[in-house]
Protein backbone atom coordinates (compact mmCIF):
# COMPACT_ATOMS: atom_id res chain seq x y z
CA MET A 1 0.11 0.02 0.14
CA ASP A 2 2.19 3.13 -1.16
CA SER A 3 0.31 6.48 -0.31
CA GLY A 4 2.97 8.02 -2.46
CA ALA A 5 3.86 10.07 0.84
CA PRO A 6 7.23 9.60 2.07
CA GLU A 7 7.36 7.20 5.19
CA ALA A 8 7.24 8.95 8.61
CA LYS A 9 10.33 9.10 10.69
CA PRO A 10 9.98 8.31 14.38
CA VAL A 11 10.71 12.25 16.30
CA GLN A 12 13.78 11.75 18.51
CA LEU A 13 13.21 14.49 21.38
CA PRO A 14 16.60 15.80 22.65
CA THR A 15 17.49 14.61 25.86
CA ALA A 16 18.10 17.05 28.63
CA VAL A 17 21.90 16.94 29.84
CA TYR A 18 23.40 18.97 32.25
CA PRO A 19 25.74 21.95 31.06
CA SER A 20 28.35 21.24 33.90
CA TRP A 21 29.57 19.55 37.10
CA ASP A 22 28.41 22.80 38.79
CA ALA A 23 25.05 22.54 37.55
CA ILE A 24 25.06 18.22 38.58
CA TYR A 25 26.04 19.58 42.02
CA ASP A 26 23.63 22.31 42.33
CA ASP A 27 20.41 20.23 41.05
CA ASN A 28 20.86 17.25 43.31
CA VAL A 29 22.58 18.63 46.40
CA THR A 30 19.39 19.10 48.19
CA ARG A 31 17.60 16.17 47.13
CA LEU A 32 20.63 14.02 48.40
CA TYR A 33 21.29 15.94 51.48
CA ARG A 34 17.41 15.47 52.50
CA LEU A 35 17.49 11.68 51.71
CA MET A 36 20.56 11.17 53.74
CA HIS A 37 19.22 13.09 56.70
CA SER A 38 15.94 11.07 56.17
CA LYS A 39 18.06 7.88 56.82
CA VAL A 40 20.55 9.12 59.53
CA GLY A 41 18.63 11.80 61.23
CA ASN A 42 21.31 13.84 62.04
CA ARG A 43 22.84 17.02 60.34
CA PRO A 44 26.80 16.03 60.30
CA ASP A 45 26.37 12.61 59.02
CA ALA A 46 24.14 13.70 56.33
CA GLU A 47 26.68 16.40 55.13
CA ASP A 48 29.34 13.51 55.33
CA LEU A 49 27.52 11.10 53.50
CA THR A 50 26.14 13.41 50.67
CA SER A 51 29.72 14.68 50.13
CA GLN A 52 30.88 11.09 49.89
CA VAL A 53 28.30 10.56 47.18
CA PHE A 54 29.56 13.23 44.96
CA VAL A 55 32.97 12.19 45.42
CA ALA A 56 32.36 8.81 44.53
CA ALA A 57 30.19 9.82 41.54
CA LEU A 58 32.84 12.10 39.92
CA LYS A 59 34.93 9.05 39.33
CA SER A 60 32.76 7.42 36.89
CA LEU A 61 29.55 10.05 36.40
CA ARG A 62 29.55 10.80 32.36
CA PRO A 63 28.50 14.53 32.46
CA SER A 64 27.16 14.14 29.34
CA ALA A 65 24.60 11.53 30.70
CA THR A 66 21.21 12.78 30.60
CA ILE A 67 19.43 14.41 33.87
CA GLY A 68 17.54 11.13 34.44
CA GLU A 69 20.65 8.85 34.08
CA VAL A 70 22.75 11.33 36.55
CA ARG A 71 19.90 11.22 38.92
CA ALA A 72 19.57 7.48 38.82
CA TYR A 73 23.44 7.19 39.29
CA LEU A 74 23.49 9.41 42.20
CA LEU A 75 20.81 7.24 43.85
CA ALA A 76 22.85 4.31 42.99
CA THR A 77 25.81 5.56 44.86
CA ALA A 78 23.83 7.00 47.52
CA ARG A 79 22.61 3.43 48.25
CA THR A 80 25.87 1.81 48.32
CA VAL A 81 27.63 4.97 50.57
CA LEU A 82 24.55 4.58 52.98
CA ALA A 83 25.33 0.65 53.12
CA GLY A 84 28.98 1.62 54.21
CA HIS A 85 28.20 3.97 56.44
CA TRP A 86 25.91 1.34 58.49
CA GLN A 87 28.59 -1.23 57.82
CA ARG A 88 31.11 0.89 59.60
CA THR A 89 29.03 2.43 62.18
CA LEU A 90 26.75 -0.81 63.16
CA GLY A 91 28.87 -3.49 61.75
CA ARG A 92 26.04 -4.68 59.55
CA GLN A 93 23.71 -3.11 56.76
CA VAL A 94 20.91 -1.68 58.35
CA THR A 95 19.06 0.65 55.79
CA LEU A 96 18.79 -0.21 52.18
CA ILE A 97 17.28 2.56 49.33
CA ASP A 98 15.05 0.94 46.86
CA VAL A 99 16.17 2.86 43.86
CA ASP A 100 12.90 1.77 41.72
CA ALA A 101 10.63 2.79 45.05
CA THR A 102 12.51 6.14 45.58
CA ASP A 103 11.50 9.35 44.28
CA LEU A 104 14.15 11.58 44.51
CA ASP A 105 12.40 14.34 43.77
CA ALA A 106 10.10 14.05 46.99
CA PHE A 107 13.16 14.99 48.68
CA ALA A 108 13.45 18.22 46.82
CA GLN A 109 10.48 19.35 49.08
CA PRO A 110 10.48 20.20 52.88
CA ALA A 111 8.41 17.76 54.85
CA SER A 112 4.69 19.23 55.11
CA SER A 113 4.22 20.88 58.65
CA GLN A 114 1.94 18.27 59.90
CA SER A 115 4.04 15.56 59.52
CA SER A 116 6.99 17.21 60.97
CA ASN A 117 4.75 18.25 63.86
CA LYS A 118 4.07 14.69 64.11
CA ALA A 119 7.61 13.52 64.28
CA ILE A 120 8.71 16.51 66.43
CA ASP A 121 6.03 14.94 68.83
CA HIS A 122 6.97 11.51 68.50
CA ALA A 123 10.97 12.57 68.98
CA THR A 124 9.85 14.65 71.91
CA ARG A 125 8.25 11.64 73.59
CA ILE A 126 10.97 9.46 73.08
CA LEU A 127 13.67 11.52 74.19
CA ALA A 128 11.41 12.27 77.53
CA ALA A 129 11.47 8.71 78.04
CA LEU A 130 15.32 8.34 78.26
CA PRO A 131 17.36 8.88 81.45
CA GLU A 132 18.87 12.52 81.72
CA ARG A 133 22.37 11.97 80.21
CA HIS A 134 21.13 10.02 77.68
CA ARG A 135 18.68 12.52 76.58
CA ARG A 136 21.45 14.99 77.02
CA ILE A 137 23.67 13.49 74.86
CA LEU A 138 21.08 13.28 71.86
CA VAL A 139 20.15 16.95 72.32
CA LEU A 140 23.50 17.96 72.34
CA ARG A 141 24.58 16.21 69.17
CA PHE A 142 21.50 15.72 66.86
CA LEU A 143 19.23 18.66 67.89
CA HIS A 144 22.16 21.33 68.46
CA GLY A 145 24.48 19.89 65.75
CA TYR A 146 27.48 19.52 68.41
CA SER A 147 30.42 17.52 67.59
CA ILE A 148 31.30 14.70 69.76
CA ARG A 149 34.21 16.41 71.29
CA GLU A 150 31.84 19.90 71.74
CA ALA A 151 29.29 17.73 73.20
CA ALA A 152 31.97 15.89 75.59
CA ALA A 153 33.26 19.31 76.90
CA GLU A 154 29.54 20.50 77.65
CA MET A 155 28.75 17.36 79.74
CA ASP A 156 32.28 17.45 81.49
CA ILE A 157 33.02 13.83 80.07
CA THR A 158 35.54 12.51 78.07
CA VAL A 159 35.27 12.06 74.13
CA THR A 160 35.10 8.26 74.61
CA ASN A 161 32.93 8.31 77.25
CA ALA A 162 30.70 10.66 75.24
CA LYS A 163 30.73 8.29 72.39
CA VAL A 164 29.41 5.21 74.65
CA LEU A 165 26.96 7.13 76.34
CA GLN A 166 25.52 8.20 72.57
CA HIS A 167 25.57 4.77 71.49
CA ARG A 168 23.61 3.91 74.75
CA ALA A 169 21.62 6.32 74.36
CA LEU A 170 20.25 5.59 70.59
CA ARG A 171 20.23 2.06 71.43
CA LYS A 172 17.82 2.78 74.51
CA ALA A 173 15.85 5.32 72.19
CA ALA A 174 15.23 2.52 69.24
CA GLY A 175 14.17 0.21 72.46
CA LEU A 176 11.49 2.55 73.48
CA ASP A 177 10.14 3.08 69.66
CA PRO A 178 8.47 0.07 68.23
CA GLU A 179 9.22 0.83 64.66
CA TRP A 180 13.16 0.70 65.28
CA SER A 181 12.81 -2.19 67.72
CA GLU A 182 12.29 -4.40 64.45
CA LEU A 183 15.72 -3.32 63.10
CA ARG A 184 17.84 -3.91 66.12
CA PRO A 185 19.52 -7.53 66.97
CA ALA A 186 18.30 -9.16 70.10
CA ASP A 187 19.90 -7.53 73.09
CA SER A 188 21.63 -9.82 75.26
CA GLU A 189 21.95 -7.51 78.05
């Protein structure tokens, strides 16, 4: 069946790419930071992990890759970096980022005030149930952003003692939250 008209070729849309490494960083840093913060729960670790993602990605990521490819690669790298963090911190991998189920754009916008208030209430209840020293180390470290050294100085204890106290406080807080207790190993204490 020749209609006499030339055969239509499929239209190929141009795929968007980032103009530079700076553009890759600027467009993705906030998303990745919020993703990491949602997984580790504190600013210093989230900042460190976010920078580790970009350092790792710079080695292999092609700047000519499409925006979607860049975001998928950064998300896969984030998963690897996060797994390494939990391996170093807890001796086992705890958190997985499901690349297929994670919408990185969801981390570009701050959470709604209703869900933020709910999270604040939840955290307040957990902190209130902790002994004073445990509560204090967690507040200094994660709410006030103190380094472990600064928190130790504020509490007039050694850095080693502050690390142990923080570890115990986190374990106790995890035991107070039924959602977290599923993730922690059975205690022999």
